[in-house]
């Protein structure tokens, strides 16, 4: 199943700018099934743990500040080759370099405020999905709990 899921967050700028519905529609129109969905706000502690891999990077403090500046929408997505397919849908981190029609080209305003997060590997998709959701919060296409 690892290659069939990805993890995403609609970041605080995407939420603040009113793009939740449009982004979720793009995701489902691209053939992804939403397995788990949550509207929440990360604490500084939780954001710090989620982005621990970037702890030594110069942008870490700004990243934590930004990701805790407002609510997010976290989701586990299912589709064959989900990570790669989702990375193609969201586009490049820099919206100026993102392909036309991608989420970031349409909704991101800068490299830092780029509307969405997408897992970058099958392993990270599993780790990130498990970080935000218990398996008891995942549902199959028939509405049965996957936990």
C-alpha atoms as a PDB file:
ATOM      1  CA  UNK A   1       0.000   0.000   0.000  1.00  0.00           C
ATOM      2  CA  UNK A   2       2.950   2.396   0.509  1.00  0.00           C
ATOM      3  CA  UNK A   3       3.077   3.381  -3.145  1.00  0.00           C
ATOM      4  CA  UNK A   4      -0.660   4.052  -3.073  1.00  0.00           C
ATOM      5  CA  UNK A   5      -0.766   6.843  -0.485  1.00  0.00           C
ATOM      6  CA  UNK A   6       0.554  10.339  -0.147  1.00  0.00           C
ATOM      7  CA  UNK A   7       0.220  12.975   2.531  1.00  0.00           C
ATOM      8  CA  UNK A   8      -0.650  16.617   2.027  1.00  0.00           C
ATOM      9  CA  UNK A   9      -1.374  19.717   4.027  1.00  0.00           C
ATOM     10  CA  UNK A  10      -3.097  22.816   2.763  1.00  0.00           C
ATOM     11  CA  UNK A  11      -0.845  25.327   4.491  1.00  0.00           C
ATOM     12  CA  UNK A  12      -2.000  28.363   6.502  1.00  0.00           C
ATOM     13  CA  UNK A  13      -1.747  30.659   3.453  1.00  0.00           C
ATOM     14  CA  UNK A  14      -3.947  28.358   1.374  1.00  0.00           C
ATOM     15  CA  UNK A  15      -6.500  28.252   4.185  1.00  0.00           C
ATOM     16  CA  UNK A  16      -6.280  31.996   4.878  1.00  0.00           C
ATOM     17  CA  UNK A  17      -6.719  32.827   1.188  1.00  0.00           C
ATOM     18  CA  UNK A  18      -9.866  30.706   0.900  1.00  0.00           C
ATOM     19  CA  UNK A  19      -8.501  27.945  -1.328  1.00  0.00           C
ATOM     20  CA  UNK A  20      -9.492  24.831   0.654  1.00  0.00           C
ATOM     21  CA  UNK A  21     -12.407  23.890  -1.596  1.00  0.00           C
ATOM     22  CA  UNK A  22     -10.584  24.619  -4.860  1.00  0.00           C
ATOM     23  CA  UNK A  23      -7.509  22.637  -3.820  1.00  0.00           C
ATOM     24  CA  UNK A  24      -9.540  19.655  -2.577  1.00  0.00           C
ATOM     25  CA  UNK A  25     -11.492  19.690  -5.856  1.00  0.00           C
ATOM     26  CA  UNK A  26      -8.260  19.642  -7.863  1.00  0.00           C
ATOM     27  CA  UNK A  27      -7.070  16.701  -5.766  1.00  0.00           C
ATOM     28  CA  UNK A  28     -10.232  14.648  -6.247  1.00  0.00           C
ATOM     29  CA  UNK A  29     -10.561  15.638  -9.924  1.00  0.00           C
ATOM     30  CA  UNK A  30      -7.019  14.263 -10.411  1.00  0.00           C
ATOM     31  CA  UNK A  31      -8.243  10.859  -9.237  1.00  0.00           C
ATOM     32  CA  UNK A  32      -7.082  10.895  -5.631  1.00  0.00           C
ATOM     33  CA  UNK A  33      -9.337   9.441  -2.973  1.00  0.00           C
ATOM     34  CA  UNK A  34      -9.273  11.135   0.407  1.00  0.00           C
ATOM     35  CA  UNK A  35      -8.600   8.468   3.043  1.00  0.00           C
ATOM     36  CA  UNK A  36      -8.367  10.847   6.031  1.00  0.00           C
ATOM     37  CA  UNK A  37      -9.025  14.571   6.387  1.00  0.00           C
ATOM     38  CA  UNK A  38      -8.539  16.981   9.275  1.00  0.00           C
ATOM     39  CA  UNK A  39      -8.909  20.748   9.780  1.00  0.00           C
ATOM     40  CA  UNK A  40      -6.523  21.607  12.607  1.00  0.00           C
ATOM     41  CA  UNK A  41      -3.847  23.951  13.823  1.00  0.00           C
ATOM     42  CA  UNK A  42      -0.341  22.757  14.689  1.00  0.00           C
ATOM     43  CA  UNK A  43       1.309  23.829  17.908  1.00  0.00           C
ATOM     44  CA  UNK A  44       4.926  24.998  17.771  1.00  0.00           C
ATOM     45  CA  UNK A  45       5.943  21.718  19.413  1.00  0.00           C
ATOM     46  CA  UNK A  46       4.075  19.584  16.871  1.00  0.00           C
ATOM     47  CA  UNK A  47       5.341  21.645  13.909  1.00  0.00           C
ATOM     48  CA  UNK A  48       8.869  21.380  15.286  1.00  0.00           C
ATOM     49  CA  UNK A  49       8.606  17.599  15.435  1.00  0.00           C
ATOM     50  CA  UNK A  50       7.058  17.382  11.959  1.00  0.00           C
ATOM     51  CA  UNK A  51       9.808  19.510  10.396  1.00  0.00           C
ATOM     52  CA  UNK A  52      12.639  18.146  12.559  1.00  0.00           C
ATOM     53  CA  UNK A  53      14.528  17.152   9.408  1.00  0.00           C
ATOM     54  CA  UNK A  54      15.013  20.881   8.693  1.00  0.00           C
ATOM     55  CA  UNK A  55      16.100  21.829  12.230  1.00  0.00           C
ATOM     56  CA  UNK A  56      19.641  22.846  11.237  1.00  0.00           C
ATOM     57  CA  UNK A  57      18.562  24.831   8.175  1.00  0.00           C
ATOM     58  CA  UNK A  58      18.459  28.640   8.306  1.00  0.00           C
ATOM     59  CA  UNK A  59      14.739  28.818   7.411  1.00  0.00           C
ATOM     60  CA  UNK A  60      13.594  26.450  10.196  1.00  0.00           C
ATOM     61  CA  UNK A  61      12.388  29.156  12.600  1.00  0.00           C
ATOM     62  CA  UNK A  62      10.448  30.971   9.887  1.00  0.00           C
ATOM     63  CA  UNK A  63       8.948  27.668   8.729  1.00  0.00           C
ATOM     64  CA  UNK A  64       7.691  26.835  12.226  1.00  0.00           C
ATOM     65  CA  UNK A  65       6.335  30.356  12.696  1.00  0.00           C
ATOM     66  CA  UNK A  66       4.513  30.198   9.360  1.00  0.00           C
ATOM     67  CA  UNK A  67       3.095  26.698   9.845  1.00  0.00           C
ATOM     68  CA  UNK A  68       1.672  27.664  13.251  1.00  0.00           C
ATOM     69  CA  UNK A  69       0.262  31.009  12.033  1.00  0.00           C
ATOM     70  CA  UNK A  70      -3.162  29.548  11.267  1.00  0.00           C
ATOM     71  CA  UNK A  71      -5.084  26.351  10.666  1.00  0.00           C
ATOM     72  CA  UNK A  72      -4.130  23.726   8.099  1.00  0.00           C
ATOM     73  CA  UNK A  73      -6.015  20.971   6.333  1.00  0.00           C
ATOM     74  CA  UNK A  74      -4.167  17.655   6.589  1.00  0.00           C
ATOM     75  CA  UNK A  75      -5.079  14.727   4.361  1.00  0.00           C
ATOM     76  CA  UNK A  76      -4.047  11.226   3.445  1.00  0.00           C
ATOM     77  CA  UNK A  77      -4.573  10.590  -0.260  1.00  0.00           C
ATOM     78  CA  UNK A  78      -4.817   7.305  -2.115  1.00  0.00           C
ATOM     79  CA  UNK A  79      -4.033   6.607  -5.780  1.00  0.00           C
ATOM     80  CA  UNK A  80      -1.644   4.379  -7.694  1.00  0.00           C
ATOM     81  CA  UNK A  81       1.830   5.953  -7.618  1.00  0.00           C
ATOM     82  CA  UNK A  82       0.391   8.544  -5.231  1.00  0.00           C
ATOM     83  CA  UNK A  83       3.557  10.402  -4.185  1.00  0.00           C
ATOM     84  CA  UNK A  84       4.802  11.034  -7.714  1.00  0.00           C
ATOM     85  CA  UNK A  85       1.332  11.810  -9.050  1.00  0.00           C
ATOM     86  CA  UNK A  86       0.708  14.284  -6.237  1.00  0.00           C
ATOM     87  CA  UNK A  87       4.097  15.965  -6.658  1.00  0.00           C
ATOM     88  CA  UNK A  88       3.181  16.491 -10.323  1.00  0.00           C
ATOM     89  CA  UNK A  89      -0.196  17.958  -9.332  1.00  0.00           C
ATOM     90  CA  UNK A  90       1.224  20.450  -6.840  1.00  0.00           C
ATOM     91  CA  UNK A  91       4.108  21.683  -8.991  1.00  0.00           C
ATOM     92  CA  UNK A  92       7.488  23.159  -8.105  1.00  0.00           C
ATOM     93  CA  UNK A  93       8.106  24.690  -4.669  1.00  0.00           C
ATOM     94  CA  UNK A  94       8.716  28.048  -6.352  1.00  0.00           C
ATOM     95  CA  UNK A  95       5.382  29.012  -7.937  1.00  0.00           C
ATOM     96  CA  UNK A  96       7.233  31.006 -10.611  1.00  0.00           C
ATOM     97  CA  UNK A  97       8.743  27.696 -11.776  1.00  0.00           C
ATOM     98  CA  UNK A  98       5.597  25.594 -11.330  1.00  0.00           C
ATOM     99  CA  UNK A  99       3.903  24.223 -14.434  1.00  0.00           C
ATOM    100  CA  UNK A 100       0.671  25.813 -15.617  1.00  0.00           C
ATOM    101  CA  UNK A 101      -2.404  24.286 -14.011  1.00  0.00           C
ATOM    102  CA  UNK A 102      -0.610  23.003 -10.911  1.00  0.00           C
ATOM    103  CA  UNK A 103      -1.838  23.858  -7.429  1.00  0.00           C
ATOM    104  CA  UNK A 104       1.185  26.004  -6.632  1.00  0.00           C
ATOM    105  CA  UNK A 105       1.024  27.871  -9.939  1.00  0.00           C
ATOM    106  CA  UNK A 106      -2.613  28.717  -9.198  1.00  0.00           C
ATOM    107  CA  UNK A 107      -2.558  29.339  -5.443  1.00  0.00           C
ATOM    108  CA  UNK A 108       0.982  29.895  -4.105  1.00  0.00           C
ATOM    109  CA  UNK A 109       2.324  33.410  -3.626  1.00  0.00           C
ATOM    110  CA  UNK A 110       6.000  32.647  -2.890  1.00  0.00           C
ATOM    111  CA  UNK A 111       8.472  29.870  -2.170  1.00  0.00           C
ATOM    112  CA  UNK A 112       7.685  30.199   1.545  1.00  0.00           C
ATOM    113  CA  UNK A 113       3.923  30.526   1.155  1.00  0.00           C
ATOM    114  CA  UNK A 114       3.336  27.877  -1.448  1.00  0.00           C
ATOM    115  CA  UNK A 115      -0.196  26.766  -0.478  1.00  0.00           C
ATOM    116  CA  UNK A 116       0.414  23.029  -0.047  1.00  0.00           C
ATOM    117  CA  UNK A 117       2.815  20.451   1.291  1.00  0.00           C
ATOM    118  CA  UNK A 118       3.255  17.110  -0.423  1.00  0.00           C
ATOM    119  CA  UNK A 119       5.237  14.112   0.791  1.00  0.00           C
ATOM    120  CA  UNK A 120       8.421  13.597  -1.228  1.00  0.00           C
ATOM    121  CA  UNK A 121       8.791   9.809  -0.876  1.00  0.00           C
ATOM    122  CA  UNK A 122       6.714   6.743  -0.054  1.00  0.00           C
ATOM    123  CA  UNK A 123       8.511   6.477   3.298  1.00  0.00           C
ATOM    124  CA  UNK A 124       7.807  10.106   4.185  1.00  0.00           C
ATOM    125  CA  UNK A 125       4.182   9.754   3.077  1.00  0.00           C
ATOM    126  CA  UNK A 126       3.737   6.924   5.578  1.00  0.00           C
ATOM    127  CA  UNK A 127       5.591   8.797   8.338  1.00  0.00           C
ATOM    128  CA  UNK A 128       3.739  12.084   7.768  1.00  0.00           C
ATOM    129  CA  UNK A 129       0.325  10.412   7.484  1.00  0.00           C
ATOM    130  CA  UNK A 130       0.955   8.520  10.737  1.00  0.00           C
ATOM    131  CA  UNK A 131       2.157  11.717  12.394  1.00  0.00           C
ATOM    132  CA  UNK A 132      -1.181  13.450  11.794  1.00  0.00           C
ATOM    133  CA  UNK A 133      -3.636  10.536  11.785  1.00  0.00           C
ATOM    134  CA  UNK A 134      -4.218   7.399  13.794  1.00  0.00           C
ATOM    135  CA  UNK A 135      -5.088   4.427  11.579  1.00  0.00           C
ATOM    136  CA  UNK A 136      -8.548   4.544  13.163  1.00  0.00           C
ATOM    137  CA  UNK A 137      -9.055   7.828  11.265  1.00  0.00           C
ATOM    138  CA  UNK A 138      -8.398   6.269   7.815  1.00  0.00           C
ATOM    139  CA  UNK A 139     -11.394   5.043   5.792  1.00  0.00           C
ATOM    140  CA  UNK A 140     -11.606   2.856   2.708  1.00  0.00           C
ATOM    141  CA  UNK A 141     -13.824   3.564  -0.297  1.00  0.00           C
ATOM    142  CA  UNK A 142     -16.741   1.792   1.409  1.00  0.00           C
ATOM    143  CA  UNK A 143     -16.469   3.943   4.530  1.00  0.00           C
ATOM    144  CA  UNK A 144     -14.969   1.189   6.654  1.00  0.00           C
ATOM    145  CA  UNK A 145     -12.243   2.069   9.099  1.00  0.00           C
ATOM    146  CA  UNK A 146      -8.811   0.983   7.899  1.00  0.00           C
ATOM    147  CA  UNK A 147      -7.353   0.869  11.435  1.00  0.00           C
END
